């Protein structure tokens, strides 16, 4: 079953980026080159080009500047996955060398990788075969704080309550 992740972040962020451009849909390597050139993306100190990404509901990668919010990249819509992506460029070829599911606005499960993989293979772009860093998100059933689970320790960082093993980030949505 394919899960669509709805935005679960704060309304403050949603409203603050309402007028921001939607991420650019990448259907080919040429689209990727054009996005990099048009937005004047520059490699970081490791020579990698970083971007915010979502996989939209139609299964395509959308890219925005790394400092963009995922909700803006997605145009406010539900997504199949989201995170950060890092490209290397070598002798006319691009490759995804690092990719995460880090998005506290959508909190996609690590299992959303299958949707990312399909989107990358449509382009086609070589990739590492999975998220290079996976984040586990859970919402505390007591204080409602969003948590990133570290070292397999399912405890709320705020109130020390045990966190569920099953994804629950769409529960107890926070409105600020």
Protein backbone atom coordinates (compact mmCIF):
# COMPACT_ATOMS: atom_id res chain seq x y z
CA UNK A 1 0.00 0.00 0.00
CA UNK A 2 1.27 3.46 -0.91
CA UNK A 3 0.98 6.10 1.81
CA UNK A 4 0.47 9.76 1.06
CA UNK A 5 1.98 11.91 3.79
CA UNK A 6 0.10 15.07 4.61
CA UNK A 7 1.82 18.13 5.99
CA UNK A 8 1.76 17.92 9.79
CA UNK A 9 4.00 20.84 10.66
CA UNK A 10 2.91 24.13 12.12
CA UNK A 11 0.48 26.47 10.44
CA UNK A 12 3.02 29.27 11.01
CA UNK A 13 5.40 27.60 8.56
CA UNK A 14 2.62 26.68 6.14
CA UNK A 15 1.43 30.30 6.04
CA UNK A 16 4.92 31.80 5.87
CA UNK A 17 5.72 29.91 2.65
CA UNK A 18 2.31 30.12 0.99
CA UNK A 19 3.65 32.43 -1.73
CA UNK A 20 6.90 30.53 -2.31
CA UNK A 21 7.38 28.77 -5.64
CA UNK A 22 6.60 25.06 -5.90
CA UNK A 23 9.57 22.76 -6.38
CA UNK A 24 10.58 21.99 -9.95
CA UNK A 25 9.47 18.61 -11.25
CA UNK A 26 12.47 16.61 -12.48
CA UNK A 27 11.66 14.11 -15.23
CA UNK A 28 15.09 13.84 -16.86
CA UNK A 29 18.79 14.50 -16.33
CA UNK A 30 18.31 17.55 -18.55
CA UNK A 31 15.64 18.86 -16.14
CA UNK A 32 18.14 18.41 -13.29
CA UNK A 33 20.88 20.29 -15.19
CA UNK A 34 18.46 23.08 -16.04
CA UNK A 35 17.27 23.39 -12.42
CA UNK A 36 20.86 23.56 -11.14
CA UNK A 37 21.80 26.22 -13.72
CA UNK A 38 18.60 28.27 -13.47
CA UNK A 39 18.70 28.40 -9.66
CA UNK A 40 22.49 28.87 -9.62
CA UNK A 41 23.09 25.97 -7.23
CA UNK A 42 26.68 25.76 -6.05
CA UNK A 43 28.53 22.66 -4.80
CA UNK A 44 29.29 22.52 -1.08
CA UNK A 45 32.78 21.99 0.34
CA UNK A 46 32.58 18.30 -0.59
CA UNK A 47 31.64 19.13 -4.17
CA UNK A 48 28.01 18.05 -3.72
CA UNK A 49 24.90 19.94 -4.74
CA UNK A 50 22.30 19.77 -1.96
CA UNK A 51 18.56 20.23 -2.42
CA UNK A 52 15.25 19.84 -0.65
CA UNK A 53 13.12 17.22 -2.39
CA UNK A 54 9.67 15.72 -2.32
CA UNK A 55 8.16 12.92 -4.35
CA UNK A 56 4.82 14.32 -5.43
CA UNK A 57 1.59 12.32 -5.50
CA UNK A 58 2.20 11.45 -9.15
CA UNK A 59 5.57 9.88 -8.35
CA UNK A 60 7.95 12.59 -9.60
CA UNK A 61 10.84 14.18 -7.74
CA UNK A 62 10.44 17.91 -7.12
CA UNK A 63 13.48 19.97 -6.14
CA UNK A 64 13.89 23.28 -4.35
CA UNK A 65 16.80 25.10 -2.77
CA UNK A 66 18.11 23.21 0.26
CA UNK A 67 16.95 25.96 2.59
CA UNK A 68 13.35 25.66 1.38
CA UNK A 69 10.53 24.16 3.40
CA UNK A 70 9.15 20.85 2.15
CA UNK A 71 5.60 22.24 2.27
CA UNK A 72 6.63 24.93 -0.24
CA UNK A 73 8.43 22.41 -2.46
CA UNK A 74 5.27 20.29 -2.49
CA UNK A 75 3.00 23.25 -3.22
CA UNK A 76 1.13 22.50 0.00
CA UNK A 77 0.06 19.07 -1.23
CA UNK A 78 0.42 15.57 0.17
CA UNK A 79 3.54 13.68 -0.89
CA UNK A 80 4.93 10.15 -1.20
CA UNK A 81 8.28 11.03 0.41
CA UNK A 82 10.49 13.99 1.30
CA UNK A 83 13.96 14.80 2.54
CA UNK A 84 17.34 16.14 1.52
CA UNK A 85 19.25 14.97 -1.54
CA UNK A 86 22.91 15.45 -2.53
CA UNK A 87 24.10 15.14 -6.12
CA UNK A 88 27.59 14.69 -7.45
CA UNK A 89 28.46 15.78 -10.97
CA UNK A 90 31.27 13.99 -12.70
CA UNK A 91 32.14 13.95 -16.41
CA UNK A 92 28.66 14.90 -17.64
CA UNK A 93 26.86 12.50 -15.30
CA UNK A 94 24.94 13.11 -12.13
CA UNK A 95 24.58 10.69 -9.26
CA UNK A 96 22.68 10.78 -5.99
CA UNK A 97 25.36 10.12 -3.37
CA UNK A 98 23.44 11.00 -0.20
CA UNK A 99 19.73 11.13 0.50
CA UNK A 100 17.64 11.32 3.66
CA UNK A 101 13.99 11.30 4.68
CA UNK A 102 14.58 14.31 6.94
CA UNK A 103 11.41 16.38 6.85
CA UNK A 104 9.80 17.40 10.11
CA UNK A 105 6.89 18.91 8.18
CA UNK A 106 5.86 15.58 6.65
CA UNK A 107 7.78 13.01 8.73
CA UNK A 108 7.94 10.37 6.00
CA UNK A 109 8.68 6.82 7.05
CA UNK A 110 11.89 5.17 5.94
CA UNK A 111 9.72 2.76 3.95
CA UNK A 112 8.90 5.63 1.60
CA UNK A 113 12.26 4.88 -0.04
CA UNK A 114 10.51 2.67 -2.61
CA UNK A 115 8.71 5.76 -3.97
CA UNK A 116 11.97 7.73 -4.10
CA UNK A 117 13.69 4.87 -5.90
CA UNK A 118 10.96 4.70 -8.55
CA UNK A 119 11.17 8.46 -9.09
CA UNK A 120 14.97 8.41 -9.42
CA UNK A 121 14.91 5.47 -11.83
CA UNK A 122 12.42 7.28 -14.10
CA UNK A 123 14.96 10.09 -14.65
CA UNK A 124 17.28 7.88 -14.61
CA UNK A 125 19.80 8.72 -11.89
CA UNK A 126 22.21 6.35 -10.16
CA UNK A 127 21.54 6.27 -6.41
CA UNK A 128 22.72 4.49 -3.24
CA UNK A 129 19.78 2.04 -3.13
CA UNK A 130 18.29 3.37 0.11
CA UNK A 131 18.27 6.44 2.31
CA UNK A 132 21.87 7.00 3.37
CA UNK A 133 20.51 8.42 6.63
CA UNK A 134 17.09 7.30 7.84
CA UNK A 135 15.05 9.22 10.37
CA UNK A 136 12.37 7.67 12.56
CA UNK A 137 9.67 10.16 13.54
CA UNK A 138 7.13 9.66 16.33
CA UNK A 139 4.69 11.94 18.09
CA UNK A 140 4.45 11.64 21.89
CA UNK A 141 0.98 10.48 22.91
CA UNK A 142 1.21 12.51 26.14
CA UNK A 143 2.80 15.89 25.38
CA UNK A 144 2.30 15.71 21.59
CA UNK A 145 5.91 16.68 20.88
CA UNK A 146 7.32 15.47 17.58
CA UNK A 147 10.42 13.32 18.23
CA UNK A 148 13.23 11.90 16.15
CA UNK A 149 14.05 8.47 17.53
CA UNK A 150 17.78 7.99 18.06
CA UNK A 151 19.69 4.82 18.86
CA UNK A 152 16.42 2.86 18.76
CA UNK A 153 15.36 4.58 22.01
CA UNK A 154 11.61 5.19 21.72
CA UNK A 155 11.33 7.80 24.50
CA UNK A 156 9.97 11.33 24.25
CA UNK A 157 12.79 13.86 24.59
CA UNK A 158 10.46 16.26 26.41
CA UNK A 159 8.46 14.16 28.90
CA UNK A 160 10.25 10.79 28.79
CA UNK A 161 7.08 8.90 27.83
CA UNK A 162 7.47 5.76 25.74
CA UNK A 163 6.86 6.36 22.05
CA UNK A 164 4.91 3.96 19.84
CA UNK A 165 6.84 1.64 17.52
CA UNK A 166 4.32 2.37 14.74
CA UNK A 167 4.36 5.68 12.83
CA UNK A 168 1.83 8.06 14.39
CA UNK A 169 2.94 11.52 13.32
CA UNK A 170 -0.44 12.40 11.84
CA UNK A 171 -2.02 12.03 15.28
CA UNK A 172 -2.37 14.99 17.63
CA UNK A 173 -1.54 17.54 14.97
CA UNK A 174 0.01 20.71 16.36
CA UNK A 175 -1.64 24.04 15.54
CA UNK A 176 0.34 27.14 16.43
